[in-house]
Structures are given as C-alpha cells and as structure tokens.
C-alpha cells in the first residue's frame, strides 16, 4: 500500500542554501511510485527543480533559489506530506548583490486596473499584480504615503496573481510603494489620486 511515511528526504539543501547557488537534497521513495511525489516552495522566489536518478532508486533534487530569505520546501506523496515536510530553511545571501538581478526580475511584474492611478477614500480599492513571469512569490511589502493614513495589503489568488488592496482615510495625492526587500517593483512608487 502506498504511504507518504515510506518516502525519505535528506541533505543540506533541505536545511541551508545560498541565493544564486545550486542546493541539493536526496529523496528515497523506498519502492513507492515516484510519479506520486510533488514539490512546492514557499519563499521569496519559486525555483525550479532538476532531478538526477541515482543507484538504488534514490533521486538527487537540485534547485537554485534566486533571493535570500525564509523558505519552506513541501514534499508530498499523493497529496500527503512526507516525514519532515515542510522543511524550513533560511536562504542566505546579500540582497544588495542581487539588486541587478532583482531589477531584471521585477520588470516581469505587471500591474493593471484603474485603482493603480485613482481611488476612493474610506473604501477598499484594489488592482491586479501579476508576478507569475517574474519568479517573485513572496517577500513583497507595501506602504502608502499621503495626506492621511492608508491600510495596504495583499490578497493572493489561486491563479498566482495578487490583488493589491488599499484603503485611504482622506482624499488627496498618495504614493504607493511596492517593494521586494529594498527594491521597488517596476513603476513603484505609484502616484494615486484619491477622491
């Protein structure tokens, strides 16, 4: 009978990694159907995995995280976590060293909707941000500056897009800053006229 409890994963790549460098861990399905194993990553970037089949049915999984920060690697067998999953790790690296790469990545972030240029006070305004082509999956932060307080938040959608929501308390001109770490996404800060 197939069981997630029989699948084993180990290696440095589940504990520590360096931004921009490959990290590797190993998986032993212990005779289980390898097609039932899936991978997911939560963190500032969503790296792709490459697999190499080794002797004894063991598979080496290698990935390269783009940005430093906290990550969680999920390994599931037919939808159930294997022992130890999700694996929490902190990807180390100097964010400033990746500023050029980050700038190139952020050109892949697209924003759309009327609320990116105009909004209304005392209601929640929102526009769509599409990060799917950028490799950015987390680590975003936002704030508004203007004549009054404004709450800002993100709502993740099932299709991988994000609704950026803001609720200003006064009318006037605001600047909405959206950053990944210390780097603005393309077009940020956005000038928004609130009525």
N, C-alpha and C. Protein backbone atom coordinates (compact mmCIF):
# COMPACT_ATOMS: atom_id res chain seq x y z
N UNK A 1 0.84 -1.18 0.00
CA UNK A 1 0.00 0.00 0.00
C UNK A 1 0.88 1.25 0.00
N UNK A 2 0.57 2.22 -0.85
CA UNK A 2 1.34 3.46 -0.96
C UNK A 2 1.14 4.31 0.29
N UNK A 3 2.24 4.83 0.83
CA UNK A 3 2.17 5.66 2.01
C UNK A 3 3.28 6.70 1.99
N UNK A 4 2.93 7.94 2.34
CA UNK A 4 3.91 9.02 2.42
C UNK A 4 4.96 8.72 3.48
N UNK A 5 4.63 7.92 4.47
CA UNK A 5 5.56 7.62 5.56
C UNK A 5 6.80 6.85 5.12
N UNK A 6 6.72 6.19 3.95
CA UNK A 6 7.87 5.41 3.47
C UNK A 6 8.87 6.25 2.69
N UNK A 7 8.47 7.43 2.24
CA UNK A 7 9.34 8.28 1.44
C UNK A 7 10.26 9.06 2.37
N UNK A 8 11.55 9.06 2.04
CA UNK A 8 12.55 9.75 2.87
C UNK A 8 13.20 10.86 2.07
N UNK A 9 13.52 11.97 2.73
CA UNK A 9 14.25 13.07 2.12
C UNK A 9 15.30 13.56 3.12
N UNK A 10 16.52 13.85 2.62
CA UNK A 10 17.59 14.32 3.48
C UNK A 10 18.59 15.11 2.64
N UNK A 11 19.43 15.85 3.32
CA UNK A 11 20.51 16.57 2.65
C UNK A 11 20.54 18.03 3.01
N UNK A 12 21.70 18.64 2.76
CA UNK A 12 21.91 20.04 3.11
C UNK A 12 20.90 20.98 2.46
N UNK A 13 20.45 20.67 1.25
CA UNK A 13 19.52 21.53 0.54
C UNK A 13 18.16 21.67 1.20
N UNK A 14 17.90 20.86 2.22
CA UNK A 14 16.66 21.00 2.99
C UNK A 14 16.87 21.81 4.25
N UNK A 15 18.13 22.18 4.51
CA UNK A 15 18.46 22.90 5.74
C UNK A 15 19.04 24.28 5.49
N UNK A 16 19.87 24.41 4.46
CA UNK A 16 20.56 25.68 4.20
C UNK A 16 20.82 25.80 2.71
N UNK A 17 20.81 27.03 2.21
CA UNK A 17 21.12 27.29 0.81
C UNK A 17 21.65 28.71 0.68
N UNK A 18 22.33 28.96 -0.42
CA UNK A 18 22.89 30.28 -0.72
C UNK A 18 22.17 30.82 -1.97
N UNK A 19 21.68 32.05 -1.89
CA UNK A 19 20.99 32.65 -3.03
C UNK A 19 21.91 32.66 -4.24
N UNK A 20 21.38 32.22 -5.37
CA UNK A 20 22.13 32.21 -6.62
C UNK A 20 22.98 30.99 -6.84
N UNK A 21 23.04 30.08 -5.85
CA UNK A 21 23.85 28.87 -5.98
C UNK A 21 22.97 27.63 -5.87
N UNK A 22 23.33 26.56 -6.60
CA UNK A 22 22.53 25.33 -6.52
C UNK A 22 22.59 24.70 -5.13
N UNK A 23 21.48 24.14 -4.70
CA UNK A 23 21.39 23.39 -3.45
C UNK A 23 20.77 22.04 -3.78
N UNK A 24 21.24 20.98 -3.11
CA UNK A 24 20.80 19.63 -3.44
C UNK A 24 20.36 18.88 -2.19
N UNK A 25 19.32 18.07 -2.37
CA UNK A 25 18.91 17.12 -1.34
C UNK A 25 18.54 15.82 -2.05
N UNK A 26 18.35 14.76 -1.28
CA UNK A 26 18.07 13.45 -1.85
C UNK A 26 16.71 12.93 -1.38
N UNK A 27 16.10 12.13 -2.25
CA UNK A 27 14.81 11.52 -1.95
C UNK A 27 14.93 10.03 -2.23
N UNK A 28 14.45 9.24 -1.28
CA UNK A 28 14.37 7.80 -1.49
C UNK A 28 12.90 7.41 -1.39
N UNK A 29 12.29 7.03 -2.52
CA UNK A 29 10.88 6.66 -2.46
C UNK A 29 10.65 5.28 -1.85
N UNK A 30 11.74 4.54 -1.58
CA UNK A 30 11.63 3.21 -0.96
C UNK A 30 10.60 2.32 -1.66
N UNK A 31 10.71 2.28 -2.98
CA UNK A 31 9.84 1.41 -3.75
C UNK A 31 8.49 2.00 -4.10
N UNK A 32 8.20 3.20 -3.58
CA UNK A 32 6.93 3.86 -3.90
C UNK A 32 7.00 4.45 -5.31
N UNK A 33 5.86 4.71 -5.90
CA UNK A 33 5.77 5.28 -7.24
C UNK A 33 6.26 6.73 -7.22
N UNK A 34 7.38 7.01 -7.87
CA UNK A 34 7.98 8.35 -7.88
C UNK A 34 7.04 9.38 -8.50
N UNK A 35 6.13 8.97 -9.37
CA UNK A 35 5.22 9.92 -10.02
C UNK A 35 4.24 10.53 -9.01
N UNK A 36 4.12 9.93 -7.83
CA UNK A 36 3.23 10.47 -6.80
C UNK A 36 3.87 11.54 -5.93
N UNK A 37 5.16 11.82 -6.16
CA UNK A 37 5.87 12.80 -5.35
C UNK A 37 5.80 14.17 -6.02
N UNK A 38 5.36 15.17 -5.24
CA UNK A 38 5.29 16.55 -5.74
C UNK A 38 6.07 17.47 -4.81
N UNK A 39 6.49 18.61 -5.38
CA UNK A 39 7.29 19.58 -4.65
C UNK A 39 6.62 20.93 -4.71
N UNK A 40 6.73 21.67 -3.63
CA UNK A 40 6.24 23.04 -3.58
C UNK A 40 7.19 23.88 -2.76
N UNK A 41 7.27 25.15 -3.08
CA UNK A 41 8.17 26.06 -2.36
C UNK A 41 7.41 27.31 -1.96
N UNK A 42 7.54 27.69 -0.69
CA UNK A 42 7.07 28.98 -0.21
C UNK A 42 8.32 29.80 0.08
N UNK A 43 8.37 31.03 -0.39
CA UNK A 43 9.52 31.88 -0.13
C UNK A 43 9.59 33.01 -1.12
N UNK A 44 10.65 33.79 -1.04
CA UNK A 44 10.80 34.96 -1.91
C UNK A 44 10.90 34.64 -3.40
N UNK A 45 11.30 33.45 -3.76
CA UNK A 45 11.32 33.05 -5.17
C UNK A 45 10.86 31.61 -5.27
N UNK A 46 10.46 31.21 -6.46
CA UNK A 46 9.98 29.84 -6.66
C UNK A 46 10.92 29.16 -7.64
N UNK A 47 11.97 28.51 -7.12
CA UNK A 47 12.94 27.87 -8.02
C UNK A 47 12.39 26.61 -8.67
N UNK A 48 12.92 26.28 -9.83
CA UNK A 48 12.62 25.02 -10.49
C UNK A 48 13.53 23.94 -9.93
N UNK A 49 13.08 22.70 -9.99
CA UNK A 49 13.86 21.56 -9.53
C UNK A 49 14.36 20.76 -10.73
N UNK A 50 15.59 20.27 -10.63
CA UNK A 50 16.14 19.33 -11.60
C UNK A 50 16.40 18.03 -10.84
N UNK A 51 16.17 16.92 -11.51
CA UNK A 51 16.29 15.62 -10.85
C UNK A 51 17.30 14.75 -11.57
N UNK A 52 18.05 14.00 -10.77
CA UNK A 52 19.00 13.03 -11.30
C UNK A 52 18.76 11.71 -10.58
N UNK A 53 18.49 10.67 -11.37
CA UNK A 53 18.24 9.35 -10.79
C UNK A 53 19.58 8.68 -10.49
N UNK A 54 19.73 8.25 -9.24
CA UNK A 54 20.96 7.61 -8.78
C UNK A 54 20.70 6.12 -8.56
N UNK A 55 21.75 5.40 -8.18
CA UNK A 55 21.60 3.97 -7.90
C UNK A 55 20.70 3.74 -6.69
N UNK A 56 20.04 2.60 -6.70
CA UNK A 56 19.21 2.21 -5.56
C UNK A 56 17.87 2.92 -5.50
N UNK A 57 17.48 3.60 -6.60
CA UNK A 57 16.19 4.29 -6.62
C UNK A 57 16.21 5.67 -6.00
N UNK A 58 17.37 6.11 -5.49
CA UNK A 58 17.48 7.43 -4.87
C UNK A 58 17.51 8.50 -5.97
N UNK A 59 16.90 9.63 -5.70
CA UNK A 59 16.86 10.74 -6.65
C UNK A 59 17.49 11.96 -6.00
N UNK A 60 18.42 12.62 -6.71
CA UNK A 60 19.00 13.88 -6.26
C UNK A 60 18.17 15.01 -6.84
N UNK A 61 17.69 15.90 -5.98
CA UNK A 61 16.91 17.07 -6.40
C UNK A 61 17.76 18.31 -6.19
N UNK A 62 17.92 19.10 -7.24
CA UNK A 62 18.72 20.33 -7.16
C UNK A 62 17.86 21.52 -7.55
N UNK A 63 18.01 22.61 -6.82
CA UNK A 63 17.28 23.85 -7.11
C UNK A 63 18.21 25.02 -6.84
N UNK A 64 17.91 26.18 -7.42
CA UNK A 64 18.71 27.38 -7.20
C UNK A 64 17.77 28.51 -6.78
N UNK A 65 17.75 28.87 -5.49
CA UNK A 65 16.90 29.99 -5.06
C UNK A 65 17.49 31.31 -5.56
N UNK A 66 16.65 32.19 -6.04
CA UNK A 66 17.12 33.46 -6.60
C UNK A 66 17.42 34.47 -5.50
N UNK A 67 16.55 34.54 -4.49
CA UNK A 67 16.66 35.56 -3.47
C UNK A 67 16.86 34.96 -2.09
N UNK A 68 17.56 35.66 -1.20
CA UNK A 68 17.69 35.20 0.18
C UNK A 68 16.38 35.39 0.95
N UNK A 69 16.28 34.70 2.08
CA UNK A 69 15.11 34.83 2.94
C UNK A 69 14.62 33.49 3.42
N UNK A 70 13.53 33.49 4.18
CA UNK A 70 12.98 32.23 4.70
C UNK A 70 12.19 31.48 3.62
N UNK A 71 12.41 30.19 3.55
CA UNK A 71 11.74 29.31 2.59
C UNK A 71 11.18 28.10 3.32
N UNK A 72 10.18 27.48 2.70
CA UNK A 72 9.66 26.19 3.15
C UNK A 72 9.51 25.31 1.92
N UNK A 73 10.12 24.12 1.96
CA UNK A 73 10.01 23.17 0.87
C UNK A 73 9.03 22.08 1.28
N UNK A 74 7.99 21.94 0.49
CA UNK A 74 6.98 20.91 0.73
C UNK A 74 7.27 19.73 -0.19
N UNK A 75 7.34 18.55 0.37
CA UNK A 75 7.46 17.32 -0.42
C UNK A 75 6.28 16.45 -0.02
N UNK A 76 5.47 16.12 -1.03
CA UNK A 76 4.26 15.34 -0.75
C UNK A 76 4.23 14.09 -1.61
N UNK A 77 3.57 13.09 -1.08
CA UNK A 77 3.37 11.84 -1.80
C UNK A 77 1.86 11.66 -1.92
N UNK A 78 1.36 11.76 -3.16
CA UNK A 78 -0.07 11.72 -3.43
C UNK A 78 -0.84 12.64 -2.48
N UNK A 79 -0.35 13.88 -2.34
CA UNK A 79 -1.03 14.91 -1.58
C UNK A 79 -0.79 14.92 -0.09
N UNK A 80 -0.01 13.97 0.43
CA UNK A 80 0.25 13.92 1.88
C UNK A 80 1.72 14.22 2.13
N UNK A 81 2.00 15.06 3.14
CA UNK A 81 3.38 15.40 3.49
C UNK A 81 4.17 14.16 3.86
N UNK A 82 5.42 14.09 3.38
CA UNK A 82 6.31 13.02 3.82
C UNK A 82 6.87 13.41 5.18
N UNK A 83 7.49 12.50 5.91
CA UNK A 83 8.05 12.86 7.22
C UNK A 83 9.04 14.03 7.11
N UNK A 84 8.84 15.05 7.96
CA UNK A 84 9.70 16.23 7.98
C UNK A 84 9.20 17.38 7.13
N UNK A 85 8.28 17.11 6.21
CA UNK A 85 7.76 18.16 5.33
C UNK A 85 6.64 18.93 6.02
N UNK A 86 6.62 20.25 5.88
CA UNK A 86 7.51 21.09 5.09
C UNK A 86 8.85 21.32 5.81
N UNK A 87 9.90 21.44 5.00
CA UNK A 87 11.25 21.67 5.51
C UNK A 87 11.52 23.17 5.50
N UNK A 88 11.80 23.74 6.68
CA UNK A 88 12.07 25.18 6.79
C UNK A 88 13.56 25.43 6.66
N UNK A 89 13.91 26.40 5.83
CA UNK A 89 15.32 26.77 5.70
C UNK A 89 15.42 28.26 5.46
N UNK A 90 16.56 28.81 5.78
CA UNK A 90 16.84 30.21 5.53
C UNK A 90 17.90 30.28 4.44
N UNK A 91 17.53 30.85 3.31
CA UNK A 91 18.48 31.03 2.23
C UNK A 91 19.26 32.31 2.51
N UNK A 92 20.59 32.16 2.59
CA UNK A 92 21.44 33.29 2.93
C UNK A 92 21.97 33.94 1.67
N UNK A 93 22.39 35.17 1.82
CA UNK A 93 22.96 35.92 0.71
C UNK A 93 22.72 37.40 0.92
N UNK A 94 23.53 38.19 0.29
CA UNK A 94 23.45 39.64 0.40
C UNK A 94 22.45 40.15 -0.62
N UNK A 95 21.36 40.76 -0.15
CA UNK A 95 20.34 41.27 -1.05
C UNK A 95 20.91 42.28 -2.02
N UNK A 96 21.86 43.09 -1.59
CA UNK A 96 22.43 44.10 -2.48
C UNK A 96 23.18 43.47 -3.64
N UNK A 97 23.76 42.27 -3.45
CA UNK A 97 24.46 41.60 -4.53
C UNK A 97 23.49 41.17 -5.63
N UNK A 98 22.24 41.04 -5.28
CA UNK A 98 21.26 40.56 -6.24
C UNK A 98 20.38 41.69 -6.76
N UNK A 99 20.76 42.95 -6.49
CA UNK A 99 19.94 44.09 -6.90
C UNK A 99 19.77 44.15 -8.41
N UNK A 100 20.84 43.91 -9.16
CA UNK A 100 20.76 43.96 -10.62
C UNK A 100 19.82 42.86 -11.12
N UNK A 101 19.99 41.67 -10.56
CA UNK A 101 19.12 40.55 -10.96
C UNK A 101 17.68 40.85 -10.55
N UNK A 102 17.52 41.40 -9.35
CA UNK A 102 16.17 41.72 -8.87
C UNK A 102 15.51 42.74 -9.78
N UNK A 103 16.26 43.73 -10.21
CA UNK A 103 15.72 44.75 -11.11
C UNK A 103 15.23 44.12 -12.40
N UNK A 104 15.99 43.18 -12.93
CA UNK A 104 15.59 42.49 -14.16
C UNK A 104 14.35 41.64 -13.91
N UNK A 105 14.29 40.97 -12.76
CA UNK A 105 13.14 40.14 -12.43
C UNK A 105 11.89 40.99 -12.29
N UNK A 106 12.02 42.15 -11.65
CA UNK A 106 10.84 42.97 -11.38
C UNK A 106 10.26 43.59 -12.63
N UNK A 107 11.00 43.63 -13.73
CA UNK A 107 10.40 44.10 -14.97
C UNK A 107 9.34 43.12 -15.44
N UNK A 108 9.36 41.89 -14.91
CA UNK A 108 8.34 40.90 -15.23
C UNK A 108 7.08 41.03 -14.40
N UNK A 109 7.06 41.93 -13.41
CA UNK A 109 5.87 42.17 -12.60
C UNK A 109 4.97 43.15 -13.34
N UNK A 110 3.73 42.76 -13.58
CA UNK A 110 2.77 43.60 -14.30
C UNK A 110 1.64 44.00 -13.37
N UNK A 111 1.23 45.27 -13.45
CA UNK A 111 0.09 45.75 -12.67
C UNK A 111 -0.98 46.26 -13.63
N UNK A 112 -2.25 46.08 -13.24
CA UNK A 112 -3.34 46.55 -14.09
C UNK A 112 -4.57 46.86 -13.25
N UNK A 113 -5.38 47.76 -13.77
CA UNK A 113 -6.63 48.14 -13.11
C UNK A 113 -6.66 49.63 -12.83
N UNK A 114 -7.85 50.21 -12.79
CA UNK A 114 -7.96 51.65 -12.58
C UNK A 114 -7.46 52.13 -11.22
N UNK A 115 -7.48 51.27 -10.21
CA UNK A 115 -7.07 51.68 -8.86
C UNK A 115 -5.56 51.89 -8.75
N UNK A 116 -4.80 51.64 -9.81
CA UNK A 116 -3.36 51.91 -9.78
C UNK A 116 -3.09 53.41 -9.97
N UNK A 117 -4.09 54.16 -10.47
CA UNK A 117 -3.91 55.61 -10.66
C UNK A 117 -4.93 56.44 -9.91
N UNK A 118 -6.12 55.85 -9.60
CA UNK A 118 -7.13 56.61 -8.88
C UNK A 118 -7.89 55.70 -7.93
N UNK A 119 -8.29 56.29 -6.80
CA UNK A 119 -9.00 55.52 -5.79
C UNK A 119 -10.01 56.38 -5.06
N UNK A 120 -10.73 55.76 -4.14
CA UNK A 120 -11.73 56.46 -3.35
C UNK A 120 -11.41 56.28 -1.88
N UNK A 121 -11.66 57.34 -1.11
CA UNK A 121 -11.38 57.27 0.32
C UNK A 121 -12.48 56.47 1.03
N UNK A 122 -12.11 55.89 2.14
CA UNK A 122 -12.98 55.13 3.04
C UNK A 122 -13.52 53.83 2.44
N UNK A 123 -13.02 53.39 1.29
CA UNK A 123 -13.39 52.08 0.76
C UNK A 123 -12.11 51.35 0.36
N UNK A 124 -12.22 50.04 0.24
CA UNK A 124 -11.07 49.25 -0.19
C UNK A 124 -10.98 49.28 -1.71
N UNK A 125 -9.88 49.81 -2.21
CA UNK A 125 -9.58 49.86 -3.63
C UNK A 125 -8.62 48.72 -3.92
N UNK A 126 -8.67 48.17 -5.13
CA UNK A 126 -7.72 47.09 -5.45
C UNK A 126 -7.38 47.10 -6.93
N UNK A 127 -6.16 46.62 -7.21
CA UNK A 127 -5.73 46.40 -8.58
C UNK A 127 -4.98 45.08 -8.63
N UNK A 128 -4.77 44.59 -9.83
CA UNK A 128 -4.16 43.28 -10.02
C UNK A 128 -2.66 43.41 -10.26
N UNK A 129 -1.89 42.56 -9.58
CA UNK A 129 -0.45 42.49 -9.80
C UNK A 129 -0.13 41.05 -10.22
N UNK A 130 0.49 40.92 -11.39
CA UNK A 130 0.82 39.60 -11.92
C UNK A 130 2.33 39.40 -11.80
N UNK A 131 2.73 38.51 -10.88
CA UNK A 131 4.15 38.23 -10.65
C UNK A 131 4.58 36.91 -11.26
N UNK A 132 3.68 36.23 -11.98
CA UNK A 132 3.96 34.89 -12.49
C UNK A 132 5.18 34.85 -13.41
N UNK A 133 5.44 35.89 -14.18
CA UNK A 133 6.58 35.89 -15.09
C UNK A 133 7.87 36.40 -14.47
N UNK A 134 7.84 36.68 -13.16
CA UNK A 134 9.00 37.31 -12.53
C UNK A 134 9.80 36.40 -11.62
N UNK A 135 9.22 35.30 -11.17
CA UNK A 135 9.89 34.45 -10.20
C UNK A 135 9.67 34.89 -8.77
N UNK A 136 9.00 36.02 -8.56
CA UNK A 136 8.72 36.54 -7.22
C UNK A 136 7.47 35.86 -6.68
N UNK A 137 7.57 35.27 -5.49
CA UNK A 137 6.41 34.61 -4.90
C UNK A 137 6.12 35.05 -3.48
N UNK A 138 6.94 35.83 -2.93
CA UNK A 138 6.75 36.28 -1.56
C UNK A 138 7.76 37.36 -1.24
N UNK A 139 7.73 37.85 -0.02
CA UNK A 139 8.69 38.87 0.38
C UNK A 139 8.32 40.26 -0.09
N UNK A 140 7.10 40.41 -0.60
CA UNK A 140 6.65 41.73 -1.03
C UNK A 140 6.18 42.53 0.18
N UNK A 141 6.41 43.83 0.14
CA UNK A 141 5.87 44.70 1.16
C UNK A 141 5.40 45.98 0.49
N UNK A 142 4.46 46.66 1.12
CA UNK A 142 3.89 47.86 0.54
C UNK A 142 3.50 48.84 1.63
N UNK A 143 3.56 50.13 1.27
CA UNK A 143 3.07 51.18 2.15
C UNK A 143 2.68 52.37 1.29
N UNK A 144 1.79 53.21 1.85
CA UNK A 144 1.35 54.42 1.16
C UNK A 144 1.73 55.63 1.98
N UNK A 145 2.10 56.68 1.26
CA UNK A 145 2.31 57.96 1.93
C UNK A 145 1.41 58.99 1.26
N UNK A 146 0.84 59.87 2.07
CA UNK A 146 -0.07 60.88 1.55
C UNK A 146 -0.68 61.68 2.68
N UNK A 147 -1.79 62.34 2.39
CA UNK A 147 -2.39 63.24 3.38
C UNK A 147 -3.05 62.53 4.57
N UNK A 148 -3.28 61.24 4.47
CA UNK A 148 -3.90 60.51 5.57
C UNK A 148 -3.39 59.09 5.65
N UNK A 149 -3.82 58.41 6.71
CA UNK A 149 -3.43 57.00 6.88
C UNK A 149 -4.10 56.15 5.81
N UNK A 150 -3.39 55.11 5.35
CA UNK A 150 -3.96 54.18 4.37
C UNK A 150 -3.48 52.78 4.70
N UNK A 151 -4.42 51.87 4.88
CA UNK A 151 -4.08 50.47 5.09
C UNK A 151 -3.81 49.83 3.73
N UNK A 152 -2.74 49.02 3.66
CA UNK A 152 -2.36 48.37 2.41
C UNK A 152 -2.17 46.89 2.69
N UNK A 153 -2.63 46.03 1.78
CA UNK A 153 -2.45 44.59 1.96
C UNK A 153 -2.45 43.87 0.63
N UNK A 154 -2.16 42.58 0.71
CA UNK A 154 -2.13 41.72 -0.47
C UNK A 154 -3.12 40.59 -0.30
N UNK A 155 -3.77 40.20 -1.39
CA UNK A 155 -4.66 39.04 -1.39
C UNK A 155 -4.21 38.15 -2.54
N UNK A 156 -3.68 36.96 -2.20
CA UNK A 156 -3.19 36.04 -3.23
C UNK A 156 -4.36 35.31 -3.87
N UNK A 157 -4.30 35.19 -5.18
CA UNK A 157 -5.34 34.49 -5.95
C UNK A 157 -4.85 33.10 -6.33
N UNK A 158 -5.77 32.20 -6.60
CA UNK A 158 -5.43 30.82 -6.94
C UNK A 158 -4.63 30.71 -8.23
N UNK A 159 -4.76 31.68 -9.13
CA UNK A 159 -4.04 31.61 -10.41
C UNK A 159 -2.62 32.16 -10.32
N UNK A 160 -2.17 32.55 -9.12
CA UNK A 160 -0.81 33.05 -8.95
C UNK A 160 -0.69 34.55 -9.03
N UNK A 161 -1.80 35.25 -9.32
CA UNK A 161 -1.78 36.70 -9.31
C UNK A 161 -2.08 37.20 -7.89
N UNK A 162 -1.91 38.49 -7.70
CA UNK A 162 -2.12 39.09 -6.37
C UNK A 162 -2.97 40.34 -6.53
N UNK A 163 -3.98 40.48 -5.68
CA UNK A 163 -4.71 41.74 -5.61
C UNK A 163 -4.04 42.62 -4.55
N UNK A 164 -3.63 43.80 -4.95
CA UNK A 164 -3.09 44.79 -4.01
C UNK A 164 -4.28 45.63 -3.58
N UNK A 165 -4.50 45.73 -2.27
CA UNK A 165 -5.65 46.45 -1.74
C UNK A 165 -5.17 47.60 -0.85
N UNK A 166 -5.85 48.73 -0.97
CA UNK A 166 -5.53 49.87 -0.10
C UNK A 166 -6.81 50.61 0.25
N UNK A 167 -6.81 51.19 1.46
CA UNK A 167 -7.99 51.90 1.96
C UNK A 167 -7.52 53.21 2.60
N UNK A 168 -7.50 54.31 1.81
CA UNK A 168 -7.07 55.60 2.36
C UNK A 168 -8.18 56.27 3.18
N UNK A 169 -7.78 57.04 4.18
CA UNK A 169 -8.75 57.68 5.07
C UNK A 169 -9.08 59.13 4.67
N UNK A 170 -8.32 59.70 3.72
CA UNK A 170 -8.56 61.08 3.28
C UNK A 170 -8.36 61.16 1.78
N UNK A 171 -8.95 62.17 1.17
CA UNK A 171 -8.73 62.44 -0.25
C UNK A 171 -7.38 63.12 -0.43
N UNK A 172 -6.84 63.03 -1.64
CA UNK A 172 -5.58 63.69 -1.95
C UNK A 172 -4.67 62.81 -2.78
N UNK A 173 -3.44 63.30 -2.97
CA UNK A 173 -2.45 62.56 -3.76
C UNK A 173 -1.63 61.65 -2.84
N UNK A 174 -1.53 60.37 -3.21
CA UNK A 174 -0.80 59.38 -2.44
C UNK A 174 0.28 58.75 -3.32
N UNK A 175 1.29 58.23 -2.68
CA UNK A 175 2.32 57.44 -3.36
C UNK A 175 2.29 56.05 -2.75
N UNK A 176 2.07 55.03 -3.60
CA UNK A 176 2.05 53.64 -3.16
C UNK A 176 3.38 53.00 -3.52
N UNK A 177 4.11 52.56 -2.51
CA UNK A 177 5.41 51.91 -2.70
C UNK A 177 5.20 50.40 -2.57
N UNK A 178 5.64 49.65 -3.58
CA UNK A 178 5.62 48.19 -3.53
C UNK A 178 7.03 47.71 -3.77
N UNK A 179 7.56 46.96 -2.80
CA UNK A 179 8.95 46.53 -2.86
C UNK A 179 9.07 45.04 -2.60
N UNK A 180 10.13 44.51 -3.13
CA UNK A 180 10.59 43.18 -2.76
C UNK A 180 11.90 43.43 -2.02
N UNK A 181 11.91 43.20 -0.70
CA UNK A 181 13.07 43.59 0.09
C UNK A 181 13.20 45.10 0.02
N UNK A 182 14.34 45.59 -0.44
CA UNK A 182 14.58 47.03 -0.57
C UNK A 182 14.44 47.53 -2.00
N UNK A 183 14.02 46.68 -2.93
CA UNK A 183 13.97 47.05 -4.34
C UNK A 183 12.53 47.24 -4.78
N UNK A 184 12.25 48.43 -5.38
CA UNK A 184 10.92 48.71 -5.91
C UNK A 184 10.62 47.83 -7.11
N UNK A 185 9.34 47.41 -7.24
CA UNK A 185 8.94 46.75 -8.47
C UNK A 185 8.85 47.82 -9.55
N UNK A 186 8.78 47.41 -10.81
CA UNK A 186 8.71 48.35 -11.91
C UNK A 186 7.49 49.25 -11.76
N UNK A 187 7.70 50.57 -11.86
CA UNK A 187 6.61 51.54 -11.76
C UNK A 187 6.39 52.09 -10.36
N UNK A 188 6.96 51.45 -9.36
CA UNK A 188 6.79 51.89 -7.97
C UNK A 188 7.81 52.99 -7.66
N UNK A 189 7.41 54.02 -6.92
CA UNK A 189 6.10 54.25 -6.30
C UNK A 189 5.08 54.73 -7.33
N UNK A 190 3.82 54.32 -7.11
CA UNK A 190 2.71 54.67 -7.99
C UNK A 190 2.01 55.89 -7.43
N UNK A 191 1.77 56.89 -8.26
CA UNK A 191 1.03 58.10 -7.86
C UNK A 191 -0.46 57.81 -8.02
N UNK A 192 -1.20 57.92 -6.92
CA UNK A 192 -2.63 57.60 -6.93
C UNK A 192 -3.41 58.81 -6.42
N UNK A 193 -4.37 59.25 -7.23
CA UNK A 193 -5.22 60.37 -6.85
C UNK A 193 -6.47 59.80 -6.17
N UNK A 194 -6.67 60.12 -4.90
CA UNK A 194 -7.79 59.60 -4.14
C UNK A 194 -8.85 60.68 -3.99
N UNK A 195 -10.08 60.38 -4.38
CA UNK A 195 -11.24 61.31 -4.28
C UNK A 195 -12.02 61.03 -3.02
